[in-house]
Amino acid sequence: MGSERAESLFSGVTQIDERGGVKDWATDREQAVRLWDLAAELTGVNAFAA
């Protein structure tokens, strides 16, 4: 699928402290890519298709 392109979206995401950012699990690149791939598979719409 578009794993490589989806992963590139998250390349700039960094950990942010608890006071003003997001939880560690919210920046998990591998899980984000898996979610994008699953969504594309289930919907038939791949935003990252070449």
PDB file of N, CA and C in Angstrom:
ATOM      1  N   MET A   1       0.844  -1.190   0.000  1.00  0.00           N
ATOM      2  CA  MET A   1       0.000   0.000   0.000  1.00  0.00           C
ATOM      3  C   MET A   1       0.885   1.246   0.000  1.00  0.00           C
ATOM      4  N   GLY A   2       0.428   2.321   0.617  1.00  0.00           N
ATOM      5  CA  GLY A   2       1.183   3.557   0.635  1.00  0.00           C
ATOM      6  C   GLY A   2       1.979   3.756   1.900  1.00  0.00           C
ATOM      7  N   SER A   3       2.461   2.656   2.475  1.00  0.00           N
ATOM      8  CA  SER A   3       3.165   2.730   3.752  1.00  0.00           C
ATOM      9  C   SER A   3       4.313   3.723   3.742  1.00  0.00           C
ATOM     10  N   GLU A   4       5.112   3.696   2.692  1.00  0.00           N
ATOM     11  CA  GLU A   4       6.259   4.595   2.642  1.00  0.00           C
ATOM     12  C   GLU A   4       5.817   6.047   2.623  1.00  0.00           C
ATOM     13  N   ARG A   5       4.807   6.344   1.840  1.00  0.00           N
ATOM     14  CA  ARG A   5       4.324   7.731   1.769  1.00  0.00           C
ATOM     15  C   ARG A   5       3.634   8.127   3.059  1.00  0.00           C
ATOM     16  N   ALA A   6       2.860   7.208   3.649  1.00  0.00           N
ATOM     17  CA  ALA A   6       2.186   7.513   4.912  1.00  0.00           C
ATOM     18  C   ALA A   6       3.219   7.733   6.005  1.00  0.00           C
ATOM     19  N   GLU A   7       4.247   6.914   6.020  1.00  0.00           N
ATOM     20  CA  GLU A   7       5.284   7.055   7.040  1.00  0.00           C
ATOM     21  C   GLU A   7       5.984   8.401   6.929  1.00  0.00           C
ATOM     22  N   SER A   8       6.134   8.914   5.712  1.00  0.00           N
ATOM     23  CA  SER A   8       6.802  10.196   5.541  1.00  0.00           C
ATOM     24  C   SER A   8       6.027  11.342   6.188  1.00  0.00           C
ATOM     25  N   LEU A   9       4.723  11.182   6.333  1.00  0.00           N
ATOM     26  CA  LEU A   9       3.926  12.209   7.000  1.00  0.00           C
ATOM     27  C   LEU A   9       4.330  12.394   8.452  1.00  0.00           C
ATOM     28  N   PHE A  10       4.806  11.314   9.060  1.00  0.00           N
ATOM     29  CA  PHE A  10       5.101  11.338  10.476  1.00  0.00           C
ATOM     30  C   PHE A  10       6.577  11.505  10.776  1.00  0.00           C
ATOM     31  N   SER A  11       7.375  11.759   9.760  1.00  0.00           N
ATOM     32  CA  SER A  11       8.809  11.855   9.950  1.00  0.00           C
ATOM     33  C   SER A  11       9.201  13.062  10.806  1.00  0.00           C
ATOM     34  N   GLY A  12       8.398  14.094  10.821  1.00  0.00           N
ATOM     35  CA  GLY A  12       8.724  15.276  11.613  1.00  0.00           C
ATOM     36  C   GLY A  12       8.116  15.291  12.998  1.00  0.00           C
ATOM     37  N   VAL A  13       7.344  14.253  13.340  1.00  0.00           N
ATOM     38  CA  VAL A  13       6.694  14.207  14.645  1.00  0.00           C
ATOM     39  C   VAL A  13       7.722  13.869  15.703  1.00  0.00           C
ATOM     40  N   THR A  14       7.725  14.639  16.769  1.00  0.00           N
ATOM     41  CA  THR A  14       8.643  14.379  17.876  1.00  0.00           C
ATOM     42  C   THR A  14       7.859  14.245  19.165  1.00  0.00           C
ATOM     43  N   GLN A  15       8.505  13.728  20.168  1.00  0.00           N
ATOM     44  CA  GLN A  15       7.876  13.607  21.474  1.00  0.00           C
ATOM     45  C   GLN A  15       7.723  15.005  22.085  1.00  0.00           C
ATOM     46  N   ILE A  16       6.600  15.224  22.711  1.00  0.00           N
ATOM     47  CA  ILE A  16       6.323  16.510  23.350  1.00  0.00           C
ATOM     48  C   ILE A  16       5.951  16.217  24.798  1.00  0.00           C
ATOM     49  N   ASP A  17       6.353  17.070  25.713  1.00  0.00           N
ATOM     50  CA  ASP A  17       6.095  16.761  27.119  1.00  0.00           C
ATOM     51  C   ASP A  17       4.604  16.800  27.465  1.00  0.00           C
ATOM     52  N   GLU A  18       4.275  16.225  28.596  1.00  0.00           N
ATOM     53  CA  GLU A  18       2.885  16.060  29.035  1.00  0.00           C
ATOM     54  C   GLU A  18       2.140  17.394  29.197  1.00  0.00           C
ATOM     55  N   ARG A  19       2.832  18.448  29.522  1.00  0.00           N
ATOM     56  CA  ARG A  19       2.150  19.706  29.824  1.00  0.00           C
ATOM     57  C   ARG A  19       1.500  20.368  28.619  1.00  0.00           C
ATOM     58  N   GLY A  20       2.041  20.172  27.443  1.00  0.00           N
ATOM     59  CA  GLY A  20       1.475  20.896  26.330  1.00  0.00           C
ATOM     60  C   GLY A  20       1.457  20.135  25.028  1.00  0.00           C
ATOM     61  N   GLY A  21       1.587  18.836  25.101  1.00  0.00           N
ATOM     62  CA  GLY A  21       1.681  18.099  23.852  1.00  0.00           C
ATOM     63  C   GLY A  21       0.757  16.911  23.793  1.00  0.00           C
ATOM     64  N   VAL A  22       1.269  15.859  23.248  1.00  0.00           N
ATOM     65  CA  VAL A  22       0.479  14.649  23.045  1.00  0.00           C
ATOM     66  C   VAL A  22       1.117  13.486  23.795  1.00  0.00           C
ATOM     67  N   LYS A  23       0.336  12.453  24.008  1.00  0.00           N
ATOM     68  CA  LYS A  23       0.825  11.244  24.667  1.00  0.00           C
ATOM     69  C   LYS A  23       1.778  10.504  23.728  1.00  0.00           C
ATOM     70  N   ASP A  24       2.664   9.700  24.308  1.00  0.00           N
ATOM     71  CA  ASP A  24       3.631   8.951  23.508  1.00  0.00           C
ATOM     72  C   ASP A  24       2.959   8.095  22.447  1.00  0.00           C
ATOM     73  N   TRP A  25       1.870   7.428  22.793  1.00  0.00           N
ATOM     74  CA  TRP A  25       1.212   6.532  21.845  1.00  0.00           C
ATOM     75  C   TRP A  25       0.613   7.286  20.662  1.00  0.00           C
ATOM     76  N   ALA A  26       0.382   8.578  20.801  1.00  0.00           N
ATOM     77  CA  ALA A  26      -0.209   9.357  19.712  1.00  0.00           C
ATOM     78  C   ALA A  26       0.809   9.674  18.614  1.00  0.00           C
ATOM     79  N   THR A  27       2.068   9.438  18.884  1.00  0.00           N
ATOM     80  CA  THR A  27       3.102   9.707  17.888  1.00  0.00           C
ATOM     81  C   THR A  27       3.802   8.428  17.447  1.00  0.00           C
ATOM     82  N   ASP A  28       3.145   7.299  17.612  1.00  0.00           N
ATOM     83  CA  ASP A  28       3.717   6.008  17.219  1.00  0.00           C
ATOM     84  C   ASP A  28       3.627   5.878  15.700  1.00  0.00           C
ATOM     85  N   ARG A  29       4.744   6.044  15.021  1.00  0.00           N
ATOM     86  CA  ARG A  29       4.776   6.034  13.554  1.00  0.00           C
ATOM     87  C   ARG A  29       4.298   4.709  12.966  1.00  0.00           C
ATOM     88  N   GLU A  30       4.736   3.614  13.553  1.00  0.00           N
ATOM     89  CA  GLU A  30       4.353   2.301  13.018  1.00  0.00           C
ATOM     90  C   GLU A  30       2.843   2.086  13.090  1.00  0.00           C
ATOM     91  N   GLN A  31       2.243   2.466  14.198  1.00  0.00           N
ATOM     92  CA  GLN A  31       0.797   2.312  14.338  1.00  0.00           C
ATOM     93  C   GLN A  31       0.051   3.242  13.385  1.00  0.00           C
ATOM     94  N   ALA A  32       0.571   4.434  13.182  1.00  0.00           N
ATOM     95  CA  ALA A  32      -0.067   5.374  12.259  1.00  0.00           C
ATOM     96  C   ALA A  32      -0.063   4.829  10.837  1.00  0.00           C
ATOM     97  N   VAL A  33       1.053   4.260  10.429  1.00  0.00           N
ATOM     98  CA  VAL A  33       1.149   3.688   9.090  1.00  0.00           C
ATOM     99  C   VAL A  33       0.188   2.518   8.954  1.00  0.00           C
ATOM    100  N   ARG A  34       0.127   1.662   9.979  1.00  0.00           N
ATOM    101  CA  ARG A  34      -0.805   0.529   9.943  1.00  0.00           C
ATOM    102  C   ARG A  34      -2.246   1.017   9.829  1.00  0.00           C
ATOM    103  N   LEU A  35      -2.587   2.094  10.552  1.00  0.00           N
ATOM    104  CA  LEU A  35      -3.939   2.644  10.489  1.00  0.00           C
ATOM    105  C   LEU A  35      -4.254   3.179   9.097  1.00  0.00           C
ATOM    106  N   TRP A  36      -3.314   3.914   8.493  1.00  0.00           N
ATOM    107  CA  TRP A  36      -3.527   4.431   7.137  1.00  0.00           C
ATOM    108  C   TRP A  36      -3.753   3.286   6.156  1.00  0.00           C
ATOM    109  N   ASP A  37      -2.930   2.240   6.270  1.00  0.00           N
ATOM    110  CA  ASP A  37      -3.061   1.097   5.364  1.00  0.00           C
ATOM    111  C   ASP A  37      -4.391   0.378   5.554  1.00  0.00           C
ATOM    112  N   LEU A  38      -4.799   0.188   6.799  1.00  0.00           N
ATOM    113  CA  LEU A  38      -6.069  -0.470   7.075  1.00  0.00           C
ATOM    114  C   LEU A  38      -7.234   0.355   6.539  1.00  0.00           C
ATOM    115  N   ALA A  39      -7.190   1.656   6.753  1.00  0.00           N
ATOM    116  CA  ALA A  39      -8.260   2.529   6.265  1.00  0.00           C
ATOM    117  C   ALA A  39      -8.354   2.460   4.742  1.00  0.00           C
ATOM    118  N   ALA A  40      -7.209   2.452   4.068  1.00  0.00           N
ATOM    119  CA  ALA A  40      -7.203   2.366   2.602  1.00  0.00           C
ATOM    120  C   ALA A  40      -7.773   1.030   2.145  1.00  0.00           C
ATOM    121  N   GLU A  41      -7.409  -0.032   2.837  1.00  0.00           N
ATOM    122  CA  GLU A  41      -7.904  -1.357   2.472  1.00  0.00           C
ATOM    123  C   GLU A  41      -9.416  -1.458   2.681  1.00  0.00           C
ATOM    124  N   LEU A  42      -9.899  -0.971   3.802  1.00  0.00           N
ATOM    125  CA  LEU A  42     -11.328  -1.090   4.122  1.00  0.00           C
ATOM    126  C   LEU A  42     -12.225  -0.189   3.268  1.00  0.00           C
ATOM    127  N   THR A  43     -11.710   0.983   2.918  1.00  0.00           N
ATOM    128  CA  THR A  43     -12.531   1.938   2.167  1.00  0.00           C
ATOM    129  C   THR A  43     -12.309   1.872   0.670  1.00  0.00           C
ATOM    130  N   GLY A  44     -11.181   1.295   0.265  1.00  0.00           N
ATOM    131  CA  GLY A  44     -10.854   1.274  -1.156  1.00  0.00           C
ATOM    132  C   GLY A  44     -10.324   2.608  -1.648  1.00  0.00           C
ATOM    133  N   VAL A  45     -10.057   3.518  -0.722  1.00  0.00           N
ATOM    134  CA  VAL A  45      -9.543   4.842  -1.068  1.00  0.00           C
ATOM    135  C   VAL A  45      -8.145   4.970  -0.469  1.00  0.00           C
ATOM    136  N   ASN A  46      -7.147   5.128  -1.320  1.00  0.00           N
ATOM    137  CA  ASN A  46      -5.770   5.261  -0.859  1.00  0.00           C
ATOM    138  C   ASN A  46      -5.279   6.653  -1.218  1.00  0.00           C
ATOM    139  N   ALA A  47      -5.207   7.517  -0.230  1.00  0.00           N
ATOM    140  CA  ALA A  47      -4.770   8.894  -0.448  1.00  0.00           C
ATOM    141  C   ALA A  47      -3.321   8.981  -0.890  1.00  0.00           C
ATOM    142  N   PHE A  48      -2.578   7.877  -0.730  1.00  0.00           N
ATOM    143  CA  PHE A  48      -1.157   7.902  -1.058  1.00  0.00           C
ATOM    144  C   PHE A  48      -0.833   7.119  -2.316  1.00  0.00           C
ATOM    145  N   ALA A  49      -1.852   6.699  -3.047  1.00  0.00           N
ATOM    146  CA  ALA A  49      -1.603   5.947  -4.284  1.00  0.00           C
ATOM    147  C   ALA A  49      -0.904   6.846  -5.303  1.00  0.00           C
ATOM    148  N   ALA A  50       0.044   6.265  -5.970  1.00  0.00           N
ATOM    149  CA  ALA A  50       0.817   7.048  -6.958  1.00  0.00           C
ATOM    150  C   ALA A  50       0.023   7.267  -8.214  1.00  0.00           C
TER     151      ALA A  50
END
